[in-house]
N, C-alpha and C. Protein backbone atom coordinates (compact mmCIF):
# COMPACT_ATOMS: atom_id res chain seq x y z
N MET A 1 -6.31 -16.19 -35.46
CA MET A 1 -6.87 -15.22 -34.53
C MET A 1 -7.31 -15.96 -33.26
N PRO A 2 -6.93 -15.43 -32.10
CA PRO A 2 -7.30 -16.11 -30.86
C PRO A 2 -8.81 -16.03 -30.62
N ALA A 3 -9.31 -17.05 -29.97
CA ALA A 3 -10.74 -17.10 -29.66
C ALA A 3 -11.01 -16.38 -28.34
N ALA A 4 -12.13 -15.72 -28.26
CA ALA A 4 -12.52 -15.03 -27.04
C ALA A 4 -13.02 -16.05 -26.02
N PRO A 5 -12.84 -15.77 -24.74
CA PRO A 5 -13.37 -16.69 -23.72
C PRO A 5 -14.89 -16.83 -23.87
N ARG A 6 -15.42 -17.98 -23.43
CA ARG A 6 -16.86 -18.27 -23.60
C ARG A 6 -17.74 -17.21 -22.93
N ASN A 7 -17.29 -16.67 -21.78
CA ASN A 7 -18.15 -15.70 -21.09
C ASN A 7 -18.11 -14.31 -21.75
N GLN A 8 -17.35 -14.17 -22.86
CA GLN A 8 -17.28 -12.90 -23.56
C GLN A 8 -17.84 -12.99 -24.98
N THR A 9 -18.52 -14.09 -25.28
CA THR A 9 -19.16 -14.22 -26.59
C THR A 9 -20.64 -14.54 -26.41
N ARG A 10 -21.40 -14.16 -27.42
CA ARG A 10 -22.83 -14.45 -27.43
C ARG A 10 -23.20 -14.80 -28.86
N ARG A 11 -23.93 -15.86 -29.00
CA ARG A 11 -24.34 -16.30 -30.33
C ARG A 11 -25.67 -15.67 -30.67
N GLN A 12 -25.71 -15.04 -31.82
CA GLN A 12 -26.95 -14.45 -32.30
C GLN A 12 -27.13 -14.92 -33.73
N GLY A 13 -27.99 -15.90 -33.89
CA GLY A 13 -28.18 -16.50 -35.21
C GLY A 13 -26.93 -17.28 -35.57
N SER A 14 -26.34 -16.98 -36.69
CA SER A 14 -25.12 -17.68 -37.13
C SER A 14 -23.86 -16.89 -36.82
N VAL A 15 -23.99 -15.82 -36.08
CA VAL A 15 -22.86 -14.94 -35.79
C VAL A 15 -22.52 -14.97 -34.30
N ASN A 16 -21.23 -15.03 -34.00
CA ASN A 16 -20.76 -14.90 -32.62
C ASN A 16 -20.42 -13.43 -32.37
N LEU A 17 -21.00 -12.87 -31.32
CA LEU A 17 -20.75 -11.48 -30.97
C LEU A 17 -19.87 -11.42 -29.72
N LEU A 18 -18.98 -10.46 -29.72
CA LEU A 18 -18.18 -10.22 -28.52
C LEU A 18 -18.96 -9.34 -27.56
N VAL A 19 -18.90 -9.67 -26.29
CA VAL A 19 -19.53 -8.85 -25.26
C VAL A 19 -18.46 -8.49 -24.25
N PRO A 20 -18.63 -7.40 -23.55
CA PRO A 20 -17.62 -7.02 -22.56
C PRO A 20 -17.54 -8.08 -21.45
N PRO A 21 -16.36 -8.19 -20.84
CA PRO A 21 -16.23 -9.15 -19.74
C PRO A 21 -17.14 -8.75 -18.58
N PRO A 22 -17.51 -9.72 -17.75
CA PRO A 22 -18.36 -9.37 -16.62
C PRO A 22 -17.63 -8.41 -15.68
N ARG A 23 -18.38 -7.51 -15.11
CA ARG A 23 -17.79 -6.52 -14.19
C ARG A 23 -17.43 -7.19 -12.87
N PRO A 24 -16.31 -6.79 -12.30
CA PRO A 24 -15.98 -7.32 -10.97
C PRO A 24 -16.98 -6.78 -9.95
N PRO A 25 -17.15 -7.49 -8.83
CA PRO A 25 -18.09 -7.00 -7.82
C PRO A 25 -17.65 -5.63 -7.30
N LEU A 26 -18.62 -4.82 -6.91
CA LEU A 26 -18.35 -3.48 -6.41
C LEU A 26 -17.64 -3.55 -5.06
N GLN A 27 -16.71 -2.63 -4.85
CA GLN A 27 -16.00 -2.54 -3.57
C GLN A 27 -16.23 -1.16 -2.98
N THR A 28 -16.06 -1.08 -1.69
CA THR A 28 -16.16 0.23 -1.04
C THR A 28 -14.90 1.03 -1.36
N VAL A 29 -14.97 2.31 -1.16
CA VAL A 29 -13.80 3.17 -1.40
C VAL A 29 -12.66 2.76 -0.48
N VAL A 30 -12.99 2.45 0.77
CA VAL A 30 -11.97 2.03 1.74
C VAL A 30 -11.30 0.75 1.25
N GLY A 31 -12.09 -0.19 0.76
CA GLY A 31 -11.53 -1.45 0.24
C GLY A 31 -10.61 -1.21 -0.94
N CYS A 32 -10.99 -0.30 -1.83
CA CYS A 32 -10.15 0.03 -2.99
C CYS A 32 -8.82 0.65 -2.55
N LEU A 33 -8.91 1.56 -1.59
CA LEU A 33 -7.69 2.21 -1.11
C LEU A 33 -6.77 1.22 -0.41
N GLU A 34 -7.33 0.30 0.38
CA GLU A 34 -6.51 -0.71 1.05
C GLU A 34 -5.84 -1.62 0.02
N GLN A 35 -6.58 -2.01 -1.01
CA GLN A 35 -6.01 -2.85 -2.06
C GLN A 35 -4.89 -2.11 -2.79
N LEU A 36 -5.09 -0.84 -3.06
CA LEU A 36 -4.07 -0.03 -3.72
C LEU A 36 -2.82 0.09 -2.85
N GLN A 37 -3.01 0.27 -1.55
CA GLN A 37 -1.89 0.37 -0.62
C GLN A 37 -1.09 -0.94 -0.58
N ARG A 38 -1.79 -2.08 -0.54
CA ARG A 38 -1.10 -3.38 -0.54
C ARG A 38 -0.31 -3.56 -1.83
N GLN A 39 -0.89 -3.15 -2.95
CA GLN A 39 -0.21 -3.27 -4.24
C GLN A 39 1.02 -2.37 -4.28
N TRP A 40 0.93 -1.16 -3.73
CA TRP A 40 2.07 -0.25 -3.69
C TRP A 40 3.23 -0.88 -2.94
N GLN A 41 2.94 -1.46 -1.78
CA GLN A 41 4.01 -2.05 -0.97
C GLN A 41 4.60 -3.28 -1.67
N ARG A 42 3.74 -4.08 -2.28
CA ARG A 42 4.20 -5.30 -2.96
C ARG A 42 5.09 -4.94 -4.16
N ASP A 43 4.72 -3.91 -4.88
CA ASP A 43 5.44 -3.54 -6.09
C ASP A 43 6.59 -2.56 -5.84
N GLU A 44 6.95 -2.32 -4.57
CA GLU A 44 7.99 -1.35 -4.22
C GLU A 44 7.67 0.02 -4.80
N ASN A 45 6.43 0.41 -4.72
CA ASN A 45 6.02 1.69 -5.26
C ASN A 45 6.42 2.80 -4.30
N LEU A 46 6.97 3.83 -4.83
CA LEU A 46 7.44 4.96 -4.03
C LEU A 46 6.29 5.69 -3.34
N ALA A 47 5.10 5.63 -3.90
CA ALA A 47 3.96 6.34 -3.30
C ALA A 47 3.66 5.83 -1.90
N ALA A 48 3.74 4.53 -1.68
CA ALA A 48 3.50 3.98 -0.34
C ALA A 48 4.56 4.48 0.64
N LEU A 49 5.77 4.57 0.16
CA LEU A 49 6.85 5.06 1.01
C LEU A 49 6.67 6.53 1.34
N TRP A 50 6.23 7.32 0.39
CA TRP A 50 5.97 8.74 0.65
C TRP A 50 4.90 8.88 1.73
N GLN A 51 3.88 8.03 1.66
CA GLN A 51 2.79 8.11 2.62
C GLN A 51 3.28 7.76 4.03
N ALA A 52 4.16 6.78 4.14
CA ALA A 52 4.63 6.32 5.44
C ALA A 52 5.86 7.10 5.93
N TRP A 53 6.43 7.93 5.08
CA TRP A 53 7.70 8.60 5.39
C TRP A 53 7.70 9.39 6.71
N PRO A 54 6.69 10.19 7.02
CA PRO A 54 6.74 10.94 8.28
C PRO A 54 6.89 10.04 9.52
N LYS A 55 6.24 8.87 9.51
CA LYS A 55 6.38 7.95 10.64
C LYS A 55 7.75 7.28 10.64
N ILE A 56 8.26 6.94 9.48
CA ILE A 56 9.53 6.21 9.37
C ILE A 56 10.70 7.12 9.73
N ALA A 57 10.75 8.30 9.13
CA ALA A 57 11.89 9.21 9.33
C ALA A 57 11.79 9.99 10.63
N GLY A 58 10.60 10.18 11.13
CA GLY A 58 10.42 10.94 12.36
C GLY A 58 10.13 12.40 12.10
N ALA A 59 9.59 13.04 13.10
CA ALA A 59 9.13 14.43 12.96
C ALA A 59 10.25 15.40 12.66
N GLN A 60 11.46 15.12 13.12
CA GLN A 60 12.56 16.06 12.91
C GLN A 60 13.16 15.94 11.50
N LEU A 61 13.37 14.71 11.02
CA LEU A 61 14.01 14.51 9.71
C LEU A 61 13.04 14.62 8.53
N ALA A 62 11.83 14.11 8.68
CA ALA A 62 10.90 13.98 7.55
C ALA A 62 10.67 15.27 6.77
N PRO A 63 10.51 16.43 7.41
CA PRO A 63 10.25 17.63 6.61
C PRO A 63 11.45 18.09 5.77
N HIS A 64 12.64 17.59 6.08
CA HIS A 64 13.85 18.08 5.42
C HIS A 64 14.48 17.09 4.46
N CYS A 65 13.91 15.90 4.36
CA CYS A 65 14.43 14.91 3.42
C CYS A 65 13.27 14.05 2.93
N ARG A 66 13.45 13.44 1.76
CA ARG A 66 12.36 12.63 1.22
C ARG A 66 12.90 11.55 0.30
N PRO A 67 12.14 10.46 0.19
CA PRO A 67 12.53 9.40 -0.74
C PRO A 67 12.42 9.89 -2.18
N LEU A 68 13.43 9.59 -2.98
CA LEU A 68 13.42 10.03 -4.38
C LEU A 68 13.19 8.87 -5.34
N ARG A 69 13.86 7.74 -5.10
CA ARG A 69 13.76 6.57 -5.98
C ARG A 69 13.86 5.30 -5.14
N LEU A 70 13.11 4.28 -5.53
CA LEU A 70 13.18 2.97 -4.91
C LEU A 70 13.20 1.95 -6.03
N GLN A 71 14.34 1.28 -6.17
CA GLN A 71 14.46 0.33 -7.27
C GLN A 71 15.38 -0.80 -6.84
N GLY A 72 14.87 -2.01 -6.96
CA GLY A 72 15.67 -3.18 -6.62
C GLY A 72 16.14 -3.21 -5.17
N GLY A 73 15.34 -2.68 -4.27
CA GLY A 73 15.71 -2.66 -2.86
C GLY A 73 16.67 -1.55 -2.47
N ARG A 74 16.98 -0.68 -3.40
CA ARG A 74 17.90 0.44 -3.14
C ARG A 74 17.09 1.74 -3.12
N LEU A 75 17.09 2.39 -1.96
CA LEU A 75 16.33 3.62 -1.79
C LEU A 75 17.27 4.82 -1.81
N VAL A 76 16.94 5.78 -2.66
CA VAL A 76 17.69 7.04 -2.71
C VAL A 76 16.88 8.08 -1.95
N VAL A 77 17.51 8.68 -0.94
CA VAL A 77 16.87 9.70 -0.12
C VAL A 77 17.61 11.01 -0.32
N GLY A 78 16.87 12.06 -0.59
CA GLY A 78 17.46 13.38 -0.80
C GLY A 78 17.23 14.28 0.41
N ALA A 79 18.24 15.03 0.77
CA ALA A 79 18.16 15.98 1.89
C ALA A 79 18.20 17.40 1.33
N SER A 80 17.44 18.29 1.95
CA SER A 80 17.30 19.65 1.44
C SER A 80 18.48 20.56 1.78
N HIS A 81 19.33 20.15 2.70
CA HIS A 81 20.42 21.01 3.16
C HIS A 81 21.56 20.11 3.64
N PRO A 82 22.80 20.55 3.51
CA PRO A 82 23.92 19.71 3.95
C PRO A 82 23.83 19.26 5.41
N GLN A 83 23.29 20.08 6.29
CA GLN A 83 23.19 19.66 7.69
C GLN A 83 22.20 18.51 7.82
N TRP A 84 21.13 18.48 7.00
CA TRP A 84 20.18 17.37 7.06
C TRP A 84 20.76 16.13 6.39
N LEU A 85 21.59 16.33 5.39
CA LEU A 85 22.29 15.20 4.79
C LEU A 85 23.21 14.55 5.83
N GLN A 86 23.88 15.36 6.62
CA GLN A 86 24.74 14.85 7.68
C GLN A 86 23.90 14.10 8.72
N ALA A 87 22.75 14.65 9.08
CA ALA A 87 21.86 13.98 10.04
C ALA A 87 21.39 12.65 9.49
N LEU A 88 21.10 12.58 8.18
CA LEU A 88 20.72 11.31 7.56
C LEU A 88 21.86 10.30 7.65
N ARG A 89 23.07 10.75 7.36
CA ARG A 89 24.22 9.84 7.43
C ARG A 89 24.41 9.29 8.84
N PHE A 90 24.24 10.15 9.84
CA PHE A 90 24.39 9.71 11.23
C PHE A 90 23.29 8.72 11.63
N ASN A 91 22.13 8.83 11.00
CA ASN A 91 20.99 7.97 11.35
C ASN A 91 20.69 6.91 10.31
N LYS A 92 21.63 6.63 9.43
CA LYS A 92 21.40 5.70 8.32
C LYS A 92 20.95 4.33 8.80
N HIS A 93 21.64 3.76 9.78
CA HIS A 93 21.29 2.41 10.24
C HIS A 93 19.92 2.40 10.92
N ARG A 94 19.63 3.43 11.67
CA ARG A 94 18.33 3.52 12.35
C ARG A 94 17.22 3.67 11.31
N LEU A 95 17.43 4.48 10.29
CA LEU A 95 16.44 4.68 9.24
C LEU A 95 16.21 3.40 8.45
N LEU A 96 17.28 2.68 8.16
CA LEU A 96 17.16 1.41 7.45
C LEU A 96 16.35 0.41 8.27
N GLY A 97 16.58 0.37 9.56
CA GLY A 97 15.80 -0.52 10.43
C GLY A 97 14.34 -0.13 10.48
N ALA A 98 14.05 1.17 10.52
CA ALA A 98 12.66 1.64 10.54
C ALA A 98 11.95 1.30 9.23
N LEU A 99 12.65 1.41 8.11
CA LEU A 99 12.07 1.07 6.82
C LEU A 99 11.71 -0.42 6.77
N ARG A 100 12.64 -1.25 7.20
CA ARG A 100 12.39 -2.70 7.21
C ARG A 100 11.27 -3.05 8.18
N GLY A 101 11.25 -2.38 9.34
CA GLY A 101 10.19 -2.62 10.32
C GLY A 101 8.81 -2.22 9.81
N ALA A 102 8.76 -1.27 8.89
CA ALA A 102 7.48 -0.83 8.31
C ALA A 102 7.07 -1.69 7.12
N GLY A 103 7.86 -2.71 6.80
CA GLY A 103 7.49 -3.64 5.73
C GLY A 103 8.07 -3.33 4.37
N PHE A 104 8.99 -2.40 4.28
CA PHE A 104 9.61 -2.09 2.99
C PHE A 104 10.89 -2.91 2.85
N SER A 105 11.05 -3.55 1.72
CA SER A 105 12.22 -4.41 1.51
C SER A 105 13.38 -3.59 0.95
N VAL A 106 13.92 -2.72 1.79
CA VAL A 106 15.03 -1.86 1.41
C VAL A 106 16.33 -2.52 1.88
N LYS A 107 17.24 -2.75 0.93
CA LYS A 107 18.52 -3.38 1.25
C LYS A 107 19.61 -2.36 1.50
N ASP A 108 19.50 -1.21 0.84
CA ASP A 108 20.56 -0.21 0.93
C ASP A 108 19.96 1.18 0.81
N LEU A 109 20.59 2.13 1.47
CA LEU A 109 20.20 3.54 1.38
C LEU A 109 21.30 4.33 0.70
N VAL A 110 20.93 5.15 -0.25
CA VAL A 110 21.85 6.08 -0.89
C VAL A 110 21.36 7.47 -0.50
N LEU A 111 22.24 8.24 0.11
CA LEU A 111 21.87 9.56 0.61
C LEU A 111 22.53 10.63 -0.25
N GLN A 112 21.77 11.64 -0.63
CA GLN A 112 22.33 12.68 -1.49
C GLN A 112 21.66 14.01 -1.21
N GLN A 113 22.33 15.07 -1.63
CA GLN A 113 21.79 16.41 -1.55
C GLN A 113 20.71 16.54 -2.61
N HIS A 114 19.56 17.08 -2.24
CA HIS A 114 18.46 17.27 -3.19
C HIS A 114 17.71 18.52 -2.81
N GLN A 115 17.71 19.49 -3.67
CA GLN A 115 17.02 20.75 -3.41
C GLN A 115 15.72 20.75 -4.19
N ALA A 116 14.62 20.38 -3.53
CA ALA A 116 13.32 20.33 -4.19
C ALA A 116 12.77 21.72 -4.48
N THR A 117 13.11 22.65 -3.64
CA THR A 117 12.66 24.03 -3.84
C THR A 117 13.89 24.89 -4.09
N PRO A 118 13.73 26.02 -4.73
CA PRO A 118 14.89 26.87 -4.98
C PRO A 118 15.54 27.33 -3.67
N LEU A 119 16.83 27.47 -3.70
CA LEU A 119 17.55 27.97 -2.52
C LEU A 119 17.14 29.41 -2.25
N PRO A 120 17.18 29.82 -1.00
CA PRO A 120 16.86 31.22 -0.72
C PRO A 120 17.88 32.12 -1.41
N PRO A 121 17.47 33.29 -1.83
CA PRO A 121 18.40 34.20 -2.50
C PRO A 121 19.59 34.54 -1.60
N PHE A 122 20.73 34.69 -2.23
CA PHE A 122 21.95 35.03 -1.50
C PHE A 122 21.73 36.33 -0.74
N GLY A 123 22.06 36.31 0.53
CA GLY A 123 21.93 37.50 1.35
C GLY A 123 20.54 37.74 1.90
N SER A 124 19.59 36.82 1.66
CA SER A 124 18.22 37.03 2.13
C SER A 124 18.10 36.74 3.62
N ASP A 125 16.99 37.16 4.21
CA ASP A 125 16.73 36.91 5.63
C ASP A 125 16.62 35.41 5.90
N GLU A 126 16.03 34.69 4.97
CA GLU A 126 15.87 33.24 5.15
C GLU A 126 17.22 32.54 5.21
N GLU A 127 18.13 32.91 4.31
CA GLU A 127 19.48 32.34 4.33
C GLU A 127 20.19 32.69 5.64
N ALA A 128 20.05 33.91 6.07
CA ALA A 128 20.68 34.35 7.31
C ALA A 128 20.13 33.58 8.51
N GLN A 129 18.84 33.28 8.49
CA GLN A 129 18.21 32.55 9.59
C GLN A 129 18.74 31.11 9.67
N VAL A 130 18.87 30.44 8.53
CA VAL A 130 19.41 29.08 8.51
C VAL A 130 20.84 29.08 9.04
N TRP A 131 21.63 30.00 8.56
CA TRP A 131 23.04 30.06 8.97
C TRP A 131 23.18 30.42 10.45
N ALA A 132 22.29 31.23 10.96
CA ALA A 132 22.36 31.65 12.36
C ALA A 132 22.19 30.47 13.32
N HIS A 133 21.47 29.44 12.90
CA HIS A 133 21.20 28.29 13.77
C HIS A 133 22.04 27.07 13.43
N HIS A 134 22.97 27.19 12.51
CA HIS A 134 23.77 26.03 12.10
C HIS A 134 24.66 25.58 13.26
N PRO A 135 24.69 24.26 13.57
CA PRO A 135 25.44 23.78 14.75
C PRO A 135 26.96 23.92 14.63
N SER A 136 27.47 24.09 13.44
CA SER A 136 28.92 24.20 13.28
C SER A 136 29.44 25.63 13.42
N ARG A 137 28.57 26.58 13.74
CA ARG A 137 28.99 27.97 13.88
C ARG A 137 29.80 28.15 15.16
N VAL A 138 31.10 28.24 15.02
CA VAL A 138 31.98 28.45 16.16
C VAL A 138 31.84 29.87 16.68
N ASP A 139 31.62 30.84 15.78
CA ASP A 139 31.49 32.22 16.20
C ASP A 139 30.23 32.48 17.01
N VAL A 140 29.22 31.61 16.90
CA VAL A 140 27.98 31.76 17.64
C VAL A 140 27.97 30.87 18.88
N PHE A 141 28.30 29.59 18.69
CA PHE A 141 28.18 28.61 19.77
C PHE A 141 29.47 28.41 20.55
N GLY A 142 30.59 28.77 19.97
CA GLY A 142 31.87 28.58 20.65
C GLY A 142 32.44 27.18 20.45
N MET A 143 33.57 26.95 21.12
CA MET A 143 34.27 25.66 21.01
C MET A 143 34.28 25.00 22.39
N ALA A 144 34.37 23.69 22.38
CA ALA A 144 34.49 22.91 23.62
C ALA A 144 35.26 21.63 23.26
N SER A 145 35.53 20.84 24.24
CA SER A 145 36.22 19.56 24.02
C SER A 145 35.20 18.45 23.94
N CYS A 146 35.43 17.55 23.01
CA CYS A 146 34.56 16.38 22.87
C CYS A 146 34.70 15.52 24.12
N PRO A 147 33.59 15.09 24.74
CA PRO A 147 33.69 14.27 25.95
C PRO A 147 34.31 12.90 25.68
N SER A 148 34.29 12.43 24.44
CA SER A 148 34.83 11.11 24.13
C SER A 148 36.33 11.13 23.84
N CYS A 149 36.78 12.09 23.01
CA CYS A 149 38.17 12.07 22.56
C CYS A 149 38.98 13.30 22.99
N GLN A 150 38.30 14.26 23.58
CA GLN A 150 38.93 15.50 24.05
C GLN A 150 39.43 16.41 22.94
N ARG A 151 39.06 16.16 21.69
CA ARG A 151 39.43 17.06 20.59
C ARG A 151 38.54 18.30 20.66
N PRO A 152 39.05 19.44 20.17
CA PRO A 152 38.19 20.62 20.10
C PRO A 152 37.09 20.41 19.05
N ALA A 153 35.90 20.87 19.37
CA ALA A 153 34.76 20.70 18.46
C ALA A 153 33.76 21.83 18.71
N PRO A 154 32.98 22.20 17.68
CA PRO A 154 31.95 23.24 17.87
C PRO A 154 30.93 22.79 18.93
N THR A 155 30.61 23.67 19.84
CA THR A 155 29.67 23.36 20.92
C THR A 155 28.30 22.99 20.37
N GLY A 156 27.88 23.61 19.28
CA GLY A 156 26.59 23.28 18.67
C GLY A 156 26.51 21.83 18.25
N GLU A 157 27.61 21.30 17.69
CA GLU A 157 27.63 19.89 17.29
C GLU A 157 27.59 18.98 18.51
N LEU A 158 28.32 19.37 19.57
CA LEU A 158 28.33 18.56 20.79
C LEU A 158 26.93 18.53 21.41
N GLN A 159 26.22 19.65 21.37
CA GLN A 159 24.86 19.69 21.91
C GLN A 159 23.92 18.83 21.07
N ARG A 160 24.10 18.86 19.77
CA ARG A 160 23.21 18.12 18.88
C ARG A 160 23.47 16.62 18.92
N TRP A 161 24.76 16.20 18.86
CA TRP A 161 25.07 14.79 18.72
C TRP A 161 25.70 14.16 19.95
N GLY A 162 26.15 14.97 20.90
CA GLY A 162 26.75 14.42 22.11
C GLY A 162 28.22 14.11 21.99
N HIS A 163 28.82 14.27 20.81
CA HIS A 163 30.24 14.05 20.58
C HIS A 163 30.63 14.73 19.27
N CYS A 164 31.91 14.71 18.96
CA CYS A 164 32.39 15.40 17.75
C CYS A 164 32.16 14.54 16.51
N SER A 165 32.33 15.16 15.36
CA SER A 165 32.12 14.46 14.10
C SER A 165 33.16 13.36 13.88
N PHE A 166 34.37 13.52 14.44
CA PHE A 166 35.39 12.48 14.32
C PHE A 166 34.95 11.21 15.05
N CYS A 167 34.42 11.38 16.27
CA CYS A 167 33.94 10.23 17.05
C CYS A 167 32.73 9.59 16.37
N GLN A 168 31.86 10.42 15.80
CA GLN A 168 30.70 9.87 15.12
C GLN A 168 31.12 9.05 13.91
N ARG A 169 32.08 9.55 13.17
CA ARG A 169 32.56 8.82 12.00
C ARG A 169 33.16 7.48 12.42
N GLU A 170 33.91 7.48 13.49
CA GLU A 170 34.52 6.25 14.00
C GLU A 170 33.44 5.25 14.42
N ARG A 171 32.40 5.74 15.07
CA ARG A 171 31.29 4.86 15.48
C ARG A 171 30.57 4.28 14.28
N MET A 172 30.37 5.10 13.26
CA MET A 172 29.70 4.60 12.05
C MET A 172 30.56 3.54 11.36
N ASP A 173 31.88 3.76 11.33
CA ASP A 173 32.79 2.79 10.73
C ASP A 173 32.78 1.46 11.49
N ASN A 174 32.49 1.52 12.79
CA ASN A 174 32.44 0.31 13.62
C ASN A 174 31.04 -0.28 13.69
N GLY A 175 30.10 0.21 12.87
CA GLY A 175 28.76 -0.35 12.83
C GLY A 175 27.82 0.16 13.89
N VAL A 176 28.11 1.30 14.48
CA VAL A 176 27.23 1.88 15.50
C VAL A 176 26.84 3.27 15.05
N ALA A 177 25.53 3.51 15.01
CA ALA A 177 25.04 4.84 14.65
C ALA A 177 24.24 5.41 15.81
N MET A 178 24.61 6.59 16.23
CA MET A 178 23.93 7.29 17.31
C MET A 178 23.79 6.42 18.56
N GLY A 179 24.82 5.59 18.83
CA GLY A 179 24.86 4.80 20.04
C GLY A 179 24.07 3.52 19.96
N THR A 180 23.48 3.18 18.80
CA THR A 180 22.70 1.97 18.65
C THR A 180 23.45 0.99 17.78
N PRO A 181 23.67 -0.28 18.22
CA PRO A 181 24.36 -1.24 17.38
C PRO A 181 23.60 -1.46 16.08
N ALA A 182 24.35 -1.57 14.99
CA ALA A 182 23.74 -1.77 13.68
C ALA A 182 23.31 -3.22 13.52
N ASP A 183 22.28 -3.43 12.69
CA ASP A 183 21.85 -4.80 12.39
C ASP A 183 22.88 -5.44 11.49
N GLY A 184 23.24 -6.67 11.75
CA GLY A 184 24.26 -7.36 10.97
C GLY A 184 23.75 -8.21 9.96
């Protein structure tokens, strides 16, 4: 049987009694929270990432996507709608840089569709409202030519991204996302 440390035993007559270990010094609530935050970041805890997510992803993306898993430097981010998943893909390199800049050791991003809340009922006003503002709606926004390649493209997409999805895909394949060179 292992022996208890000296500071956890007390001799009373011929018997050794176990006593509880000494209490650590008291800390303020702020000190406890700061220590917990440091531990979260050190241990790749998802809670720290959830807390920092609005600053990292930005005001436009953060409400529509969220970190789901962080393991071994691989972060899985879920988007609530296909259009937000597309926005995440277009901003993948920028998001990865923001994560690293915030002190998270993320090596890779995996982006996926994730519906945290139930989808609006088919034919509901909420579904109609989302569809009414979708940038790919040719019947609402019309068609125009991409300024980069002159291919026809939905005007809503051109307004949102400044070029067509074909040009964006080509830029991503060449290591450039949203006009910003990717980190090598």
